[in-house]
Every structure is written in structure tokens, then in C-alpha cells.
Amino acid sequence: MILQLIFSVLLSFVIFFIAFNAKTGQTVLACNMKALLVVLGGTFAATLIAYPWRKLTWTFQLLKKAFLTKDEIDWTITNIVDLARTYRHDGIRALEQQANRLSTGFLKDSIHLVSFQCSREKIEQIVQKEAQLTYVGYETGYRILYNMARLAPALGLVGTIVTLVRVFGQITDPKSLAGNMAIALMSTFYGVVLANLCFVPLSNKLREFIDREEIRLELIREGILDLYDGENPRLMRFKLETLSSSVAQHEKAQRRPRLRLGMIAPKRGTSSVTP
């Protein structure tokens, strides 16, 4: 982390050194290049200072999952009910075999706790803790994109100031000041566009994915405990579907406002997977 911090600070110095000293044959091209360098490079460098590299890569993986993964709530309920039916009729060994065919994830790990014959209290404790850690990881990814959305316009303003400093320091014809001012504002333009057309939509997409995953984690937690208790599979399906509907309505009523430029989202309340 220390090496990453040093690298990020040095990268910031390099970006602004180039922005102040870069020379290109055409003024417009030079300002466009510097604007993109300051906005994109500065946002990336500032994010690296605040977060470890592994969290940045995790955020990109999470975004990929948010775009490619469909709503898995119905799939989760169906699999939990099927697993409960297998456990009820064929025993723990059949449950373990069926769980091994599931894709790696929270549901598979939770079923393995039952097949390992852990106590109910131990299963509840482990599942609840794993759900909390998973949710915290999701929230970290959202906060990274949220901060990048706030940084981009600020870095755009910085790029405008840098360009204006160079313009006022080298201007020889006062009549060209208006044209140079328009060029200087390109950094602010890039910052606002990148924030509103890139980082804000991505953060809101990730927020939707996190809300769905929060419901799914709660369903798995409840379903695993009911499976351990030997509940009737039909009753479990009714209970889980009712729970998913009620939690979804509650989340919709109290959902955090989506991120918009110039708006600081309020802190999220306690997750439904916490005790």
C-alpha cells in the first residue's frame, strides 16, 4: 500500500507537470490532450491514493457481474427449495452431492455448512457473518465509483485553471483571449461529461445490483436455517417468495436517492443481513 501511495502521488505530479509544460503544434489539440490527461489521469491517481489496487480491480469485476448477471432471486429460491426437498427425502449425503453441482458462491458455501453437520447456532453465525462481509465488499465498490463521479468535475475545473494559467502567461494578443478561454473550458466540459455519462450511470447500475444482492443474501440466510430445521419445501417456497416481495417493497420505499452531480448521497442504514 505504501508503494502504491508513492506511485499515485508521483503520477499526480507527472500529470500536472505535463499539463503545464506540454507543447503541441495545434493549441486546440494540446488543450484537449491536457484536459483528458488531467481529468482521467487525475481521477485515477486520486482513487489510487484512497483505495488499494485490489479494490479497484474488484470494482471492475463487480461492474462486469452487474451487467452480465440477471436477477438471481427466483433462481436462488428454486435452488433452496430443491435442496430442502433433497435433504428431507434423501439425507445429508444427497444434499452434499447436489450442492457440489452448484456454481461457487454464497449459496454453495452455506449448504456445505449443513453437510458438515455444524450446529444451527454455528451455521447462523457463519452465514450471517459471510453475508455481512459480502455486502461490505459490494458497498466498497459503489463508494469507489461514487467518489470517482465526484472527482471528475473537480479535476475538470483544475484542468481549466491550469490552462488559464498558461494562457494568461503567454497571451500576446488580447483579442484572442475569448477563444483561449473557450479552449480552457474544455477540461470542465470533459469532467462534467465523464461524471454524468460514465461514472454516475455506472454507480447507479451497481447500486441496483447491490440492492438485489442484499435481498438474495437475506433469502439464503433464511432458507439455510429453514433447510436445517427440516421445513416443508412448499412452505419454504411460500415463505421465501413472501420475504423477497416484502423486502423488495421495503427497499423501494426507503431506497437511497440515485447519485447525481453535486449531490451527496445520505449514508445507508443498517443492512437487512445484519442481526
C-alpha atoms as a PDB file:
ATOM      1  CA  MET A   1       0.000   0.000   0.000  1.00  0.00           C
ATOM      2  CA  ILE A   2       2.907   2.383   0.727  1.00  0.00           C
ATOM      3  CA  LEU A   3       4.394   1.739  -2.723  1.00  0.00           C
ATOM      4  CA  GLN A   4       1.002   2.337  -4.318  1.00  0.00           C
ATOM      5  CA  LEU A   5       0.617   5.616  -2.411  1.00  0.00           C
ATOM      6  CA  ILE A   6       4.057   6.787  -3.556  1.00  0.00           C
ATOM      7  CA  PHE A   7       3.242   5.774  -7.134  1.00  0.00           C
ATOM      8  CA  SER A   8      -0.080   7.639  -7.027  1.00  0.00           C
ATOM      9  CA  VAL A   9       1.486  10.844  -5.703  1.00  0.00           C
ATOM     10  CA  LEU A  10       4.261  10.692  -8.319  1.00  0.00           C
ATOM     11  CA  LEU A  11       1.666  10.063 -11.031  1.00  0.00           C
ATOM     12  CA  SER A  12      -0.232  13.168  -9.913  1.00  0.00           C
ATOM     13  CA  PHE A  13       2.930  15.285 -10.103  1.00  0.00           C
ATOM     14  CA  VAL A  14       3.739  13.925 -13.564  1.00  0.00           C
ATOM     15  CA  ILE A  15       0.218  14.651 -14.818  1.00  0.00           C
ATOM     16  CA  PHE A  16       0.287  18.273 -13.720  1.00  0.00           C
ATOM     17  CA  PHE A  17       3.879  18.763 -14.882  1.00  0.00           C
ATOM     18  CA  ILE A  18       2.874  17.590 -18.361  1.00  0.00           C
ATOM     19  CA  ALA A  19      -0.276  19.724 -18.255  1.00  0.00           C
ATOM     20  CA  PHE A  20       1.776  22.845 -17.510  1.00  0.00           C
ATOM     21  CA  ASN A  21       4.633  22.150 -19.915  1.00  0.00           C
ATOM     22  CA  ALA A  22       3.255  20.047 -22.797  1.00  0.00           C
ATOM     23  CA  LYS A  23       3.567  21.658 -26.195  1.00  0.00           C
ATOM     24  CA  THR A  24       1.796  20.560 -29.335  1.00  0.00           C
ATOM     25  CA  GLY A  25       1.631  22.016 -32.807  1.00  0.00           C
ATOM     26  CA  GLN A  26      -2.039  22.943 -32.518  1.00  0.00           C
ATOM     27  CA  THR A  27      -3.387  24.758 -29.477  1.00  0.00           C
ATOM     28  CA  VAL A  28      -6.801  23.031 -29.564  1.00  0.00           C
ATOM     29  CA  LEU A  29      -5.230  19.577 -29.749  1.00  0.00           C
ATOM     30  CA  ALA A  30      -2.852  20.421 -26.901  1.00  0.00           C
ATOM     31  CA  CYS A  31      -5.678  21.611 -24.665  1.00  0.00           C
ATOM     32  CA  ASN A  32      -7.826  18.574 -25.475  1.00  0.00           C
ATOM     33  CA  MET A  33      -4.974  16.222 -24.639  1.00  0.00           C
ATOM     34  CA  LYS A  34      -4.200  18.063 -21.409  1.00  0.00           C
ATOM     35  CA  ALA A  35      -7.873  18.161 -20.464  1.00  0.00           C
ATOM     36  CA  LEU A  36      -8.266  14.410 -20.872  1.00  0.00           C
ATOM     37  CA  LEU A  37      -4.962  13.812 -19.089  1.00  0.00           C
ATOM     38  CA  VAL A  38      -5.916  15.913 -16.087  1.00  0.00           C
ATOM     39  CA  VAL A  39      -9.485  14.589 -15.782  1.00  0.00           C
ATOM     40  CA  LEU A  40      -8.913  10.871 -16.422  1.00  0.00           C
ATOM     41  CA  GLY A  41      -5.387  10.619 -15.063  1.00  0.00           C
ATOM     42  CA  GLY A  42      -6.121  12.800 -12.062  1.00  0.00           C
ATOM     43  CA  THR A  43      -9.269  10.857 -11.168  1.00  0.00           C
ATOM     44  CA  PHE A  44      -7.409   7.568 -11.461  1.00  0.00           C
ATOM     45  CA  ALA A  45      -4.441   8.818  -9.401  1.00  0.00           C
ATOM     46  CA  ALA A  46      -6.665  10.256  -6.654  1.00  0.00           C
ATOM     47  CA  THR A  47      -8.628   6.993  -6.471  1.00  0.00           C
ATOM     48  CA  LEU A  48      -5.404   5.009  -6.162  1.00  0.00           C
ATOM     49  CA  ILE A  49      -4.383   7.162  -3.210  1.00  0.00           C
ATOM     50  CA  ALA A  50      -7.618   6.352  -1.384  1.00  0.00           C
ATOM     51  CA  TYR A  51      -8.088   2.662  -2.263  1.00  0.00           C
ATOM     52  CA  PRO A  52      -5.803  -0.355  -2.776  1.00  0.00           C
ATOM     53  CA  TRP A  53      -5.360  -1.645  -6.294  1.00  0.00           C
ATOM     54  CA  ARG A  54      -7.132  -4.921  -5.494  1.00  0.00           C
ATOM     55  CA  LYS A  55     -10.290  -2.994  -4.561  1.00  0.00           C
ATOM     56  CA  LEU A  56     -10.215  -1.192  -7.886  1.00  0.00           C
ATOM     57  CA  THR A  57      -9.945  -4.465  -9.798  1.00  0.00           C
ATOM     58  CA  TRP A  58     -12.717  -5.896  -7.590  1.00  0.00           C
ATOM     59  CA  THR A  59     -14.924  -2.930  -8.533  1.00  0.00           C
ATOM     60  CA  PHE A  60     -14.429  -3.562 -12.249  1.00  0.00           C
ATOM     61  CA  GLN A  61     -15.223  -7.256 -11.741  1.00  0.00           C
ATOM     62  CA  LEU A  62     -18.339  -6.276  -9.804  1.00  0.00           C
ATOM     63  CA  LEU A  63     -19.432  -3.970 -12.624  1.00  0.00           C
ATOM     64  CA  LYS A  64     -18.982  -6.780 -15.115  1.00  0.00           C
ATOM     65  CA  LYS A  65     -21.106  -9.023 -12.908  1.00  0.00           C
ATOM     66  CA  ALA A  66     -23.766  -6.315 -12.569  1.00  0.00           C
ATOM     67  CA  PHE A  67     -24.121  -6.019 -16.351  1.00  0.00           C
ATOM     68  CA  LEU A  68     -23.891  -9.711 -17.228  1.00  0.00           C
ATOM     69  CA  THR A  69     -25.795 -11.323 -14.341  1.00  0.00           C
ATOM     70  CA  LYS A  70     -29.570 -11.446 -14.467  1.00  0.00           C
ATOM     71  CA  ASP A  71     -31.816 -11.226 -11.435  1.00  0.00           C
ATOM     72  CA  GLU A  72     -30.992 -14.382  -9.446  1.00  0.00           C
ATOM     73  CA  ILE A  73     -33.679 -14.136  -6.769  1.00  0.00           C
ATOM     74  CA  ASP A  74     -36.045 -16.629  -8.425  1.00  0.00           C
ATOM     75  CA  TRP A  75     -33.108 -18.927  -9.216  1.00  0.00           C
ATOM     76  CA  THR A  76     -31.998 -18.774  -5.582  1.00  0.00           C
ATOM     77  CA  ILE A  77     -35.448 -19.597  -4.212  1.00  0.00           C
ATOM     78  CA  THR A  78     -35.851 -22.524  -6.626  1.00  0.00           C
ATOM     79  CA  ASN A  79     -32.467 -23.994  -5.724  1.00  0.00           C
ATOM     80  CA  ILE A  80     -33.008 -23.630  -1.984  1.00  0.00           C
ATOM     81  CA  VAL A  81     -36.375 -25.385  -2.239  1.00  0.00           C
ATOM     82  CA  ASP A  82     -34.884 -28.188  -4.378  1.00  0.00           C
ATOM     83  CA  LEU A  83     -32.033 -28.619  -1.897  1.00  0.00           C
ATOM     84  CA  ALA A  84     -34.502 -28.732   1.002  1.00  0.00           C
ATOM     85  CA  ARG A  85     -36.538 -31.379  -0.796  1.00  0.00           C
ATOM     86  CA  THR A  86     -33.392 -33.463  -1.384  1.00  0.00           C
ATOM     87  CA  TYR A  87     -32.307 -33.101   2.232  1.00  0.00           C
ATOM     88  CA  ARG A  88     -35.768 -34.007   3.506  1.00  0.00           C
ATOM     89  CA  HIS A  89     -36.155 -37.165   1.392  1.00  0.00           C
ATOM     90  CA  ASP A  90     -32.640 -38.433   0.640  1.00  0.00           C
ATOM     91  CA  GLY A  91     -30.495 -37.263   3.527  1.00  0.00           C
ATOM     92  CA  ILE A  92     -27.325 -35.274   4.006  1.00  0.00           C
ATOM     93  CA  ARG A  93     -25.114 -37.134   1.527  1.00  0.00           C
ATOM     94  CA  ALA A  94     -27.516 -36.476  -1.345  1.00  0.00           C
ATOM     95  CA  LEU A  95     -27.639 -32.835  -0.252  1.00  0.00           C
ATOM     96  CA  GLU A  96     -23.860 -32.612  -0.397  1.00  0.00           C
ATOM     97  CA  GLN A  97     -23.746 -34.142  -3.881  1.00  0.00           C
ATOM     98  CA  GLN A  98     -26.369 -31.742  -5.171  1.00  0.00           C
ATOM     99  CA  ALA A  99     -24.577 -28.772  -3.584  1.00  0.00           C
ATOM    100  CA  ASN A 100     -21.337 -29.728  -5.355  1.00  0.00           C
ATOM    101  CA  ARG A 101     -23.104 -29.184  -8.675  1.00  0.00           C
ATOM    102  CA  LEU A 102     -23.870 -25.563  -7.821  1.00  0.00           C
ATOM    103  CA  SER A 103     -21.626 -22.758  -9.040  1.00  0.00           C
ATOM    104  CA  THR A 104     -19.195 -21.377  -6.490  1.00  0.00           C
ATOM    105  CA  GLY A 105     -20.801 -18.743  -4.329  1.00  0.00           C
ATOM    106  CA  PHE A 106     -22.548 -17.861  -1.113  1.00  0.00           C
ATOM    107  CA  LEU A 107     -25.331 -20.441  -1.512  1.00  0.00           C
ATOM    108  CA  LYS A 108     -22.925 -23.335  -2.109  1.00  0.00           C
ATOM    109  CA  ASP A 109     -20.760 -22.367   0.871  1.00  0.00           C
ATOM    110  CA  SER A 110     -23.835 -22.142   3.104  1.00  0.00           C
ATOM    111  CA  ILE A 111     -25.080 -25.607   2.051  1.00  0.00           C
ATOM    112  CA  HIS A 112     -21.677 -27.062   2.855  1.00  0.00           C
ATOM    113  CA  LEU A 113     -22.081 -25.880   6.454  1.00  0.00           C
ATOM    114  CA  VAL A 114     -25.170 -28.074   6.711  1.00  0.00           C
ATOM    115  CA  SER A 115     -23.394 -31.033   5.108  1.00  0.00           C
ATOM    116  CA  PHE A 116     -20.530 -30.592   7.575  1.00  0.00           C
ATOM    117  CA  GLN A 117     -23.143 -31.090  10.324  1.00  0.00           C
ATOM    118  CA  CYS A 118     -22.454 -27.819  12.112  1.00  0.00           C
ATOM    119  CA  SER A 119     -24.853 -26.758  14.830  1.00  0.00           C
ATOM    120  CA  ARG A 120     -27.721 -24.419  13.988  1.00  0.00           C
ATOM    121  CA  GLU A 121     -26.191 -21.596  16.018  1.00  0.00           C
ATOM    122  CA  LYS A 122     -22.841 -22.028  14.290  1.00  0.00           C
ATOM    123  CA  ILE A 123     -24.451 -22.059  10.836  1.00  0.00           C
ATOM    124  CA  GLU A 124     -26.457 -18.927  11.611  1.00  0.00           C
ATOM    125  CA  GLN A 125     -23.375 -17.151  12.927  1.00  0.00           C
ATOM    126  CA  ILE A 126     -21.156 -18.048   9.953  1.00  0.00           C
ATOM    127  CA  VAL A 127     -23.790 -17.356   7.290  1.00  0.00           C
ATOM    128  CA  GLN A 128     -24.658 -14.017   8.838  1.00  0.00           C
ATOM    129  CA  LYS A 129     -21.010 -13.001   9.057  1.00  0.00           C
ATOM    130  CA  GLU A 130     -20.297 -14.044   5.464  1.00  0.00           C
ATOM    131  CA  ALA A 131     -23.357 -12.121   4.263  1.00  0.00           C
ATOM    132  CA  GLN A 132     -22.162  -9.008   6.061  1.00  0.00           C
ATOM    133  CA  LEU A 133     -18.657  -9.279   4.591  1.00  0.00           C
ATOM    134  CA  THR A 134     -20.048  -9.832   1.095  1.00  0.00           C
ATOM    135  CA  TYR A 135     -22.306  -6.812   1.402  1.00  0.00           C
ATOM    136  CA  VAL A 136     -19.467  -4.632   2.719  1.00  0.00           C
ATOM    137  CA  GLY A 137     -17.402  -5.596  -0.332  1.00  0.00           C
ATOM    138  CA  TYR A 138     -20.250  -4.545  -2.616  1.00  0.00           C
ATOM    139  CA  GLU A 139     -20.604  -1.220  -0.814  1.00  0.00           C
ATOM    140  CA  THR A 140     -16.869  -0.551  -1.222  1.00  0.00           C
ATOM    141  CA  GLY A 141     -17.190  -0.923  -4.988  1.00  0.00           C
ATOM    142  CA  TYR A 142     -20.095   1.516  -5.016  1.00  0.00           C
ATOM    143  CA  ARG A 143     -18.199   4.075  -2.936  1.00  0.00           C
ATOM    144  CA  ILE A 144     -15.238   3.931  -5.330  1.00  0.00           C
ATOM    145  CA  LEU A 145     -17.438   4.798  -8.314  1.00  0.00           C
ATOM    146  CA  TYR A 146     -19.283   7.395  -6.246  1.00  0.00           C
ATOM    147  CA  ASN A 147     -16.017   9.138  -5.376  1.00  0.00           C
ATOM    148  CA  MET A 148     -14.808   8.977  -8.989  1.00  0.00           C
ATOM    149  CA  ALA A 149     -18.057  10.666 -10.061  1.00  0.00           C
ATOM    150  CA  ARG A 150     -17.349  13.474  -7.599  1.00  0.00           C
ATOM    151  CA  LEU A 151     -13.679  13.760  -8.535  1.00  0.00           C
ATOM    152  CA  ALA A 152     -14.128  14.084 -12.304  1.00  0.00           C
ATOM    153  CA  PRO A 153     -15.851  17.537 -12.298  1.00  0.00           C
ATOM    154  CA  ALA A 154     -13.384  18.816  -9.690  1.00  0.00           C
ATOM    155  CA  LEU A 155     -10.431  17.659 -11.776  1.00  0.00           C
ATOM    156  CA  GLY A 156     -12.083  19.225 -14.819  1.00  0.00           C
ATOM    157  CA  LEU A 157     -12.104  22.564 -13.017  1.00  0.00           C
ATOM    158  CA  VAL A 158      -8.458  22.074 -12.080  1.00  0.00           C
ATOM    159  CA  GLY A 159      -7.623  21.425 -15.740  1.00  0.00           C
ATOM    160  CA  THR A 160      -9.397  24.645 -16.699  1.00  0.00           C
ATOM    161  CA  ILE A 161      -7.360  26.588 -14.144  1.00  0.00           C
ATOM    162  CA  VAL A 162      -4.128  25.038 -15.416  1.00  0.00           C
ATOM    163  CA  THR A 163      -4.951  26.037 -18.984  1.00  0.00           C
ATOM    164  CA  LEU A 164      -5.927  29.563 -17.943  1.00  0.00           C
ATOM    165  CA  VAL A 165      -2.638  29.993 -16.092  1.00  0.00           C
ATOM    166  CA  ARG A 166      -0.761  29.087 -19.266  1.00  0.00           C
ATOM    167  CA  VAL A 167      -2.992  31.264 -21.436  1.00  0.00           C
ATOM    168  CA  PHE A 168      -2.575  34.380 -19.291  1.00  0.00           C
ATOM    169  CA  GLY A 169       1.139  33.741 -19.003  1.00  0.00           C
ATOM    170  CA  GLN A 170       1.713  33.522 -22.764  1.00  0.00           C
ATOM    171  CA  ILE A 171      -1.000  35.685 -24.304  1.00  0.00           C
ATOM    172  CA  THR A 172       0.234  38.422 -26.624  1.00  0.00           C
ATOM    173  CA  ASP A 173      -2.978  39.459 -28.343  1.00  0.00           C
ATOM    174  CA  PRO A 174      -5.866  40.459 -26.045  1.00  0.00           C
ATOM    175  CA  LYS A 175      -8.311  39.817 -28.899  1.00  0.00           C
ATOM    176  CA  SER A 176      -7.555  36.092 -28.767  1.00  0.00           C
ATOM    177  CA  LEU A 177      -8.422  35.889 -25.069  1.00  0.00           C
ATOM    178  CA  ALA A 178     -12.050  34.867 -25.721  1.00  0.00           C
ATOM    179  CA  GLY A 179     -11.010  31.981 -27.954  1.00  0.00           C
ATOM    180  CA  ASN A 180      -8.433  30.769 -25.466  1.00  0.00           C
ATOM    181  CA  MET A 181     -10.991  30.975 -22.656  1.00  0.00           C
ATOM    182  CA  ALA A 182     -13.292  28.702 -24.652  1.00  0.00           C
ATOM    183  CA  ILE A 183     -10.461  26.210 -25.089  1.00  0.00           C
ATOM    184  CA  ALA A 184      -9.658  26.351 -21.360  1.00  0.00           C
ATOM    185  CA  LEU A 185     -13.214  25.348 -20.504  1.00  0.00           C
ATOM    186  CA  MET A 186     -12.762  22.021 -22.319  1.00  0.00           C
ATOM    187  CA  SER A 187     -11.423  20.440 -19.096  1.00  0.00           C
ATOM    188  CA  THR A 188     -14.575  21.370 -17.203  1.00  0.00           C
ATOM    189  CA  PHE A 189     -16.631  20.027 -20.091  1.00  0.00           C
ATOM    190  CA  TYR A 190     -14.787  16.683 -20.033  1.00  0.00           C
ATOM    191  CA  GLY A 191     -15.131  16.428 -16.252  1.00  0.00           C
ATOM    192  CA  VAL A 192     -18.894  17.041 -16.298  1.00  0.00           C
ATOM    193  CA  VAL A 193     -19.480  14.706 -19.253  1.00  0.00           C
ATOM    194  CA  LEU A 194     -17.404  11.868 -17.795  1.00  0.00           C
ATOM    195  CA  ALA A 195     -19.120  12.207 -14.423  1.00  0.00           C
ATOM    196  CA  ASN A 196     -22.683  12.299 -15.791  1.00  0.00           C
ATOM    197  CA  LEU A 197     -22.356   9.929 -18.739  1.00  0.00           C
ATOM    198  CA  CYS A 198     -19.900   7.433 -17.276  1.00  0.00           C
ATOM    199  CA  PHE A 199     -19.290   7.330 -13.526  1.00  0.00           C
ATOM    200  CA  VAL A 200     -22.789   8.301 -12.327  1.00  0.00           C
ATOM    201  CA  PRO A 201     -24.648   5.765 -14.527  1.00  0.00           C
ATOM    202  CA  LEU A 202     -22.148   3.048 -13.596  1.00  0.00           C
ATOM    203  CA  SER A 203     -22.511   3.769  -9.884  1.00  0.00           C
ATOM    204  CA  ASN A 204     -26.309   3.689 -10.152  1.00  0.00           C
ATOM    205  CA  LYS A 205     -26.163   0.408 -12.075  1.00  0.00           C
ATOM    206  CA  LEU A 206     -24.003  -1.026  -9.324  1.00  0.00           C
ATOM    207  CA  ARG A 207     -26.435   0.319  -6.711  1.00  0.00           C
ATOM    208  CA  GLU A 208     -29.289  -1.603  -8.357  1.00  0.00           C
ATOM    209  CA  PHE A 209     -27.195  -4.769  -8.374  1.00  0.00           C
ATOM    210  CA  ILE A 210     -26.286  -4.335  -4.678  1.00  0.00           C
ATOM    211  CA  ASP A 211     -29.951  -3.871  -3.733  1.00  0.00           C
ATOM    212  CA  ARG A 212     -30.850  -7.147  -5.469  1.00  0.00           C
ATOM    213  CA  GLU A 213     -27.920  -8.957  -3.887  1.00  0.00           C
ATOM    214  CA  GLU A 214     -28.927  -7.701  -0.452  1.00  0.00           C
ATOM    215  CA  ILE A 215     -32.322  -9.368  -0.887  1.00  0.00           C
ATOM    216  CA  ARG A 216     -30.712 -12.551  -2.200  1.00  0.00           C
ATOM    217  CA  LEU A 217     -28.302 -12.798   0.736  1.00  0.00           C
ATOM    218  CA  GLU A 218     -31.191 -12.465   3.163  1.00  0.00           C
ATOM    219  CA  LEU A 219     -33.133 -15.195   1.329  1.00  0.00           C
ATOM    220  CA  ILE A 220     -30.163 -17.558   1.518  1.00  0.00           C
ATOM    221  CA  ARG A 221     -29.707 -16.873   5.218  1.00  0.00           C
ATOM    222  CA  GLU A 222     -33.369 -17.603   5.965  1.00  0.00           C
ATOM    223  CA  GLY A 223     -33.529 -20.543   3.569  1.00  0.00           C
ATOM    224  CA  ILE A 224     -30.483 -22.313   5.004  1.00  0.00           C
ATOM    225  CA  LEU A 225     -31.861 -22.131   8.528  1.00  0.00           C
ATOM    226  CA  ASP A 226     -35.246 -23.461   7.378  1.00  0.00           C
ATOM    227  CA  LEU A 227     -33.484 -26.239   5.470  1.00  0.00           C
ATOM    228  CA  TYR A 228     -31.570 -27.190   8.603  1.00  0.00           C
ATOM    229  CA  ASP A 229     -34.816 -27.257  10.594  1.00  0.00           C
ATOM    230  CA  GLY A 230     -36.408 -29.612   8.042  1.00  0.00           C
ATOM    231  CA  GLU A 231     -39.190 -27.240   6.972  1.00  0.00           C
ATOM    232  CA  ASN A 232     -41.669 -28.377   4.334  1.00  0.00           C
ATOM    233  CA  PRO A 233     -40.320 -27.334   0.893  1.00  0.00           C
ATOM    234  CA  ARG A 234     -43.670 -25.900  -0.204  1.00  0.00           C
ATOM    235  CA  LEU A 235     -43.884 -23.839   2.942  1.00  0.00           C
ATOM    236  CA  MET A 236     -40.307 -22.694   2.397  1.00  0.00           C
ATOM    237  CA  ARG A 237     -41.088 -21.519  -1.132  1.00  0.00           C
ATOM    238  CA  PHE A 238     -44.106 -19.555   0.074  1.00  0.00           C
ATOM    239  CA  LYS A 239     -42.093 -18.047   2.930  1.00  0.00           C
ATOM    240  CA  LEU A 240     -39.115 -17.066   0.736  1.00  0.00           C
ATOM    241  CA  GLU A 241     -41.286 -15.581  -2.019  1.00  0.00           C
ATOM    242  CA  THR A 242     -43.228 -13.574   0.556  1.00  0.00           C
ATOM    243  CA  LEU A 243     -39.988 -12.441   2.178  1.00  0.00           C
ATOM    244  CA  SER A 244     -38.472 -11.369  -1.147  1.00  0.00           C
ATOM    245  CA  SER A 245     -41.581  -9.349  -2.023  1.00  0.00           C
ATOM    246  CA  SER A 246     -41.782  -7.641   1.358  1.00  0.00           C
ATOM    247  CA  VAL A 247     -38.058  -6.835   1.454  1.00  0.00           C
ATOM    248  CA  ALA A 248     -38.153  -5.502  -2.113  1.00  0.00           C
ATOM    249  CA  GLN A 249     -41.071  -3.209  -1.276  1.00  0.00           C
ATOM    250  CA  HIS A 250     -39.308  -2.013   1.869  1.00  0.00           C
ATOM    251  CA  GLU A 251     -36.118  -1.314  -0.075  1.00  0.00           C
ATOM    252  CA  LYS A 252     -38.072   0.558  -2.742  1.00  0.00           C
ATOM    253  CA  ALA A 253     -39.766   2.726  -0.128  1.00  0.00           C
ATOM    254  CA  GLN A 254     -36.516   3.585   1.667  1.00  0.00           C
ATOM    255  CA  ARG A 255     -34.094   3.341  -1.250  1.00  0.00           C
ATOM    256  CA  ARG A 256     -31.224   5.766  -1.312  1.00  0.00           C
ATOM    257  CA  PRO A 257     -31.608   8.510  -3.944  1.00  0.00           C
ATOM    258  CA  ARG A 258     -29.523   7.806  -7.015  1.00  0.00           C
ATOM    259  CA  LEU A 259     -26.269   9.697  -7.326  1.00  0.00           C
ATOM    260  CA  ARG A 260     -26.469  12.985  -9.198  1.00  0.00           C
ATOM    261  CA  LEU A 261     -23.781  15.540  -9.834  1.00  0.00           C
ATOM    262  CA  GLY A 262     -23.385  17.951  -6.949  1.00  0.00           C
ATOM    263  CA  MET A 263     -25.404  15.759  -4.585  1.00  0.00           C
ATOM    264  CA  ILE A 264     -24.012  13.865  -1.630  1.00  0.00           C
ATOM    265  CA  ALA A 265     -25.990  10.703  -1.038  1.00  0.00           C
ATOM    266  CA  PRO A 266     -27.053  10.105   2.576  1.00  0.00           C
ATOM    267  CA  LYS A 267     -25.482   7.290   4.486  1.00  0.00           C
ATOM    268  CA  ARG A 268     -27.183   3.974   4.054  1.00  0.00           C
ATOM    269  CA  GLY A 269     -28.939   2.462   7.025  1.00  0.00           C
ATOM    270  CA  THR A 270     -28.373  -0.950   8.508  1.00  0.00           C
ATOM    271  CA  SER A 271     -28.383  -3.801   6.011  1.00  0.00           C
ATOM    272  CA  SER A 272     -31.107  -6.399   6.194  1.00  0.00           C
ATOM    273  CA  VAL A 273     -28.464  -9.114   6.541  1.00  0.00           C
ATOM    274  CA  THR A 274     -27.234  -7.722   9.816  1.00  0.00           C
ATOM    275  CA  PRO A 275     -28.714  -9.045  13.069  1.00  0.00           C
END
